[in-house]
Amino acid sequence: MLFDVVNIAFQVYIYIIFGRIILSWIRHDPHHPVIRFVYDLTEPFLSIFRRIIPPFGMIDLSPIVALIALHVLRWMVLSLLLRF
């Protein structure tokens, strides 16, 4: 039960980060409540990687590295949950 909830929470957050990536490619109203929610939810996690990874021209690689780190974290947490 807890395993499934944690797994779904990770998956939803991954989808929200993908949504943030797609939003960076299109014009949008940054003050729209849904857009604001996506940015407010993902910015604390993405900012960690932005401090470490410099921008590559106009391309921000931090979401890609953040997704890889999130997958590793997900694997570690779910592995720990399976042991208990």
N, C-alpha and C. Protein backbone atom coordinates (compact mmCIF):
# COMPACT_ATOMS: atom_id res chain seq x y z
N MET A 1 0.82 -1.20 0.00
CA MET A 1 0.00 0.00 0.00
C MET A 1 0.87 1.27 0.00
N LEU A 2 1.79 1.39 0.97
CA LEU A 2 2.66 2.57 1.03
C LEU A 2 3.56 2.62 -0.20
N PHE A 3 4.02 1.46 -0.64
CA PHE A 3 4.85 1.38 -1.84
C PHE A 3 4.12 2.00 -3.03
N ASP A 4 2.85 1.65 -3.21
CA ASP A 4 2.08 2.17 -4.34
C ASP A 4 1.86 3.67 -4.24
N VAL A 5 1.59 4.17 -3.05
CA VAL A 5 1.36 5.60 -2.87
C VAL A 5 2.63 6.39 -3.19
N VAL A 6 3.76 5.93 -2.68
CA VAL A 6 5.04 6.61 -2.93
C VAL A 6 5.39 6.54 -4.41
N ASN A 7 5.18 5.39 -5.02
CA ASN A 7 5.46 5.23 -6.45
C ASN A 7 4.60 6.18 -7.29
N ILE A 8 3.34 6.29 -6.97
CA ILE A 8 2.44 7.19 -7.70
C ILE A 8 2.85 8.65 -7.47
N ALA A 9 3.25 8.99 -6.26
CA ALA A 9 3.68 10.37 -5.97
C ALA A 9 4.90 10.73 -6.81
N PHE A 10 5.86 9.83 -6.90
CA PHE A 10 7.03 10.08 -7.75
C PHE A 10 6.60 10.24 -9.20
N GLN A 11 5.72 9.36 -9.67
CA GLN A 11 5.29 9.42 -11.07
C GLN A 11 4.57 10.73 -11.39
N VAL A 12 3.72 11.18 -10.49
CA VAL A 12 3.00 12.45 -10.70
C VAL A 12 3.99 13.61 -10.76
N TYR A 13 4.99 13.60 -9.87
CA TYR A 13 5.98 14.68 -9.87
C TYR A 13 6.80 14.67 -11.16
N ILE A 14 7.11 13.48 -11.67
CA ILE A 14 7.81 13.37 -12.95
C ILE A 14 6.97 13.97 -14.07
N TYR A 15 5.68 13.68 -14.06
CA TYR A 15 4.78 14.27 -15.08
C TYR A 15 4.72 15.79 -14.97
N ILE A 16 4.72 16.29 -13.74
CA ILE A 16 4.67 17.74 -13.55
C ILE A 16 5.96 18.39 -14.06
N ILE A 17 7.10 17.75 -13.86
CA ILE A 17 8.36 18.29 -14.40
C ILE A 17 8.33 18.26 -15.92
N PHE A 18 7.80 17.19 -16.51
CA PHE A 18 7.65 17.16 -17.97
C PHE A 18 6.74 18.29 -18.44
N GLY A 19 5.67 18.55 -17.69
CA GLY A 19 4.79 19.68 -18.03
C GLY A 19 5.54 21.00 -17.99
N ARG A 20 6.40 21.14 -17.01
CA ARG A 20 7.22 22.36 -16.90
C ARG A 20 8.14 22.50 -18.11
N ILE A 21 8.72 21.39 -18.56
CA ILE A 21 9.58 21.41 -19.74
C ILE A 21 8.79 21.85 -20.97
N ILE A 22 7.61 21.31 -21.13
CA ILE A 22 6.77 21.67 -22.28
C ILE A 22 6.36 23.14 -22.20
N LEU A 23 6.06 23.61 -21.00
CA LEU A 23 5.70 25.02 -20.84
C LEU A 23 6.83 25.95 -21.26
N SER A 24 8.06 25.50 -21.11
CA SER A 24 9.18 26.36 -21.48
C SER A 24 9.30 26.51 -23.00
N TRP A 25 8.63 25.67 -23.75
CA TRP A 25 8.68 25.72 -25.21
C TRP A 25 7.56 26.55 -25.83
N ILE A 26 6.52 26.85 -25.05
CA ILE A 26 5.37 27.56 -25.60
C ILE A 26 5.12 28.86 -24.83
N ARG A 27 4.41 29.77 -25.47
CA ARG A 27 4.01 31.00 -24.79
C ARG A 27 2.87 30.68 -23.84
N HIS A 28 2.94 31.26 -22.66
CA HIS A 28 1.88 31.04 -21.68
C HIS A 28 1.81 32.23 -20.73
N ASP A 29 0.71 32.31 -20.03
CA ASP A 29 0.52 33.37 -19.05
C ASP A 29 1.12 32.89 -17.72
N PRO A 30 2.23 33.47 -17.28
CA PRO A 30 2.86 33.00 -16.05
C PRO A 30 2.02 33.26 -14.79
N HIS A 31 0.97 34.04 -14.92
CA HIS A 31 0.13 34.35 -13.77
C HIS A 31 -1.10 33.45 -13.68
N HIS A 32 -1.29 32.58 -14.66
CA HIS A 32 -2.41 31.63 -14.62
C HIS A 32 -2.21 30.70 -13.42
N PRO A 33 -3.27 30.42 -12.67
CA PRO A 33 -3.12 29.62 -11.44
C PRO A 33 -2.51 28.23 -11.68
N VAL A 34 -2.86 27.56 -12.75
CA VAL A 34 -2.31 26.23 -13.03
C VAL A 34 -0.82 26.34 -13.35
N ILE A 35 -0.45 27.31 -14.17
CA ILE A 35 0.95 27.52 -14.53
C ILE A 35 1.75 27.88 -13.28
N ARG A 36 1.19 28.76 -12.46
CA ARG A 36 1.84 29.16 -11.21
C ARG A 36 2.06 27.94 -10.30
N PHE A 37 1.04 27.06 -10.23
CA PHE A 37 1.13 25.85 -9.42
C PHE A 37 2.28 24.95 -9.90
N VAL A 38 2.38 24.76 -11.21
CA VAL A 38 3.46 23.92 -11.77
C VAL A 38 4.82 24.52 -11.44
N TYR A 39 4.96 25.82 -11.63
CA TYR A 39 6.24 26.47 -11.34
C TYR A 39 6.57 26.42 -9.85
N ASP A 40 5.59 26.69 -9.01
CA ASP A 40 5.83 26.68 -7.56
C ASP A 40 6.19 25.29 -7.05
N LEU A 41 5.63 24.27 -7.67
CA LEU A 41 5.89 22.91 -7.24
C LEU A 41 7.25 22.39 -7.71
N THR A 42 7.68 22.82 -8.88
CA THR A 42 8.92 22.27 -9.46
C THR A 42 10.15 23.13 -9.21
N GLU A 43 9.99 24.40 -8.98
CA GLU A 43 11.15 25.29 -8.86
C GLU A 43 12.10 24.93 -7.72
N PRO A 44 11.62 24.57 -6.54
CA PRO A 44 12.58 24.22 -5.48
C PRO A 44 13.50 23.05 -5.86
N PHE A 45 12.96 22.05 -6.53
CA PHE A 45 13.77 20.90 -6.93
C PHE A 45 14.69 21.25 -8.10
N LEU A 46 14.17 21.96 -9.09
CA LEU A 46 14.99 22.31 -10.25
C LEU A 46 16.09 23.31 -9.92
N SER A 47 15.83 24.18 -8.96
CA SER A 47 16.84 25.20 -8.61
C SER A 47 18.11 24.57 -8.04
N ILE A 48 17.98 23.42 -7.41
CA ILE A 48 19.17 22.70 -6.91
C ILE A 48 20.11 22.40 -8.07
N PHE A 49 19.56 21.94 -9.17
CA PHE A 49 20.37 21.54 -10.32
C PHE A 49 20.81 22.74 -11.16
N ARG A 50 20.04 23.82 -11.12
CA ARG A 50 20.45 25.04 -11.83
C ARG A 50 21.69 25.66 -11.21
N ARG A 51 21.84 25.51 -9.90
CA ARG A 51 23.02 26.03 -9.22
C ARG A 51 24.27 25.24 -9.59
N ILE A 52 24.10 23.97 -9.92
CA ILE A 52 25.23 23.09 -10.22
C ILE A 52 25.57 23.10 -11.71
N ILE A 53 24.56 23.09 -12.57
CA ILE A 53 24.76 22.95 -14.01
C ILE A 53 24.59 24.31 -14.68
N PRO A 54 25.63 24.81 -15.33
CA PRO A 54 25.50 26.10 -16.02
C PRO A 54 24.64 25.93 -17.28
N PRO A 55 23.98 27.00 -17.70
CA PRO A 55 23.19 26.92 -18.93
C PRO A 55 24.09 26.65 -20.14
N PHE A 56 23.57 25.89 -21.06
CA PHE A 56 24.30 25.55 -22.29
C PHE A 56 23.69 26.37 -23.42
N GLY A 57 24.16 27.61 -23.56
CA GLY A 57 23.56 28.53 -24.53
C GLY A 57 22.16 28.88 -24.07
N MET A 58 21.18 28.64 -24.94
CA MET A 58 19.78 28.91 -24.62
C MET A 58 19.10 27.67 -24.02
N ILE A 59 19.83 26.59 -23.86
CA ILE A 59 19.24 25.33 -23.40
C ILE A 59 19.54 25.13 -21.92
N ASP A 60 18.49 24.86 -21.18
CA ASP A 60 18.61 24.58 -19.75
C ASP A 60 18.57 23.06 -19.56
N LEU A 61 19.70 22.48 -19.21
CA LEU A 61 19.79 21.03 -19.04
C LEU A 61 19.40 20.56 -17.64
N SER A 62 19.13 21.48 -16.75
CA SER A 62 18.83 21.10 -15.37
C SER A 62 17.59 20.20 -15.23
N PRO A 63 16.51 20.39 -16.01
CA PRO A 63 15.38 19.47 -15.87
C PRO A 63 15.73 18.03 -16.25
N ILE A 64 16.61 17.85 -17.21
CA ILE A 64 17.00 16.49 -17.61
C ILE A 64 17.77 15.82 -16.48
N VAL A 65 18.73 16.56 -15.92
CA VAL A 65 19.51 16.01 -14.80
C VAL A 65 18.60 15.80 -13.59
N ALA A 66 17.66 16.70 -13.38
CA ALA A 66 16.72 16.57 -12.26
C ALA A 66 15.86 15.32 -12.43
N LEU A 67 15.43 15.03 -13.65
CA LEU A 67 14.63 13.83 -13.89
C LEU A 67 15.45 12.57 -13.65
N ILE A 68 16.70 12.57 -14.06
CA ILE A 68 17.57 11.42 -13.81
C ILE A 68 17.75 11.23 -12.30
N ALA A 69 18.01 12.32 -11.59
CA ALA A 69 18.18 12.25 -10.14
C ALA A 69 16.89 11.78 -9.46
N LEU A 70 15.76 12.23 -9.97
CA LEU A 70 14.47 11.83 -9.40
C LEU A 70 14.23 10.34 -9.61
N HIS A 71 14.61 9.82 -10.77
CA HIS A 71 14.47 8.38 -11.02
C HIS A 71 15.38 7.57 -10.09
N VAL A 72 16.58 8.04 -9.87
CA VAL A 72 17.50 7.35 -8.95
C VAL A 72 16.93 7.40 -7.53
N LEU A 73 16.46 8.57 -7.11
CA LEU A 73 15.87 8.72 -5.78
C LEU A 73 14.65 7.81 -5.63
N ARG A 74 13.83 7.75 -6.66
CA ARG A 74 12.65 6.89 -6.66
C ARG A 74 13.06 5.43 -6.48
N TRP A 75 14.07 5.01 -7.23
CA TRP A 75 14.55 3.63 -7.13
C TRP A 75 15.04 3.33 -5.72
N MET A 76 15.80 4.26 -5.14
CA MET A 76 16.34 4.06 -3.80
C MET A 76 15.22 3.98 -2.75
N VAL A 77 14.28 4.89 -2.82
CA VAL A 77 13.19 4.92 -1.83
C VAL A 77 12.33 3.66 -1.97
N LEU A 78 12.00 3.29 -3.20
CA LEU A 78 11.15 2.11 -3.38
C LEU A 78 11.89 0.83 -2.99
N SER A 79 13.18 0.79 -3.21
CA SER A 79 13.96 -0.37 -2.77
C SER A 79 13.95 -0.49 -1.24
N LEU A 80 14.07 0.65 -0.58
CA LEU A 80 14.01 0.63 0.90
C LEU A 80 12.64 0.19 1.39
N LEU A 81 11.59 0.64 0.72
CA LEU A 81 10.25 0.26 1.13
C LEU A 81 10.00 -1.23 0.92
N LEU A 82 10.58 -1.81 -0.10
CA LEU A 82 10.41 -3.24 -0.35
C LEU A 82 11.10 -4.08 0.73
N ARG A 83 12.16 -3.55 1.33
CA ARG A 83 12.89 -4.29 2.36
C ARG A 83 12.12 -4.34 3.68
N PHE A 84 11.25 -3.37 3.89
CA PHE A 84 10.49 -3.33 5.16
C PHE A 84 9.15 -3.93 5.04
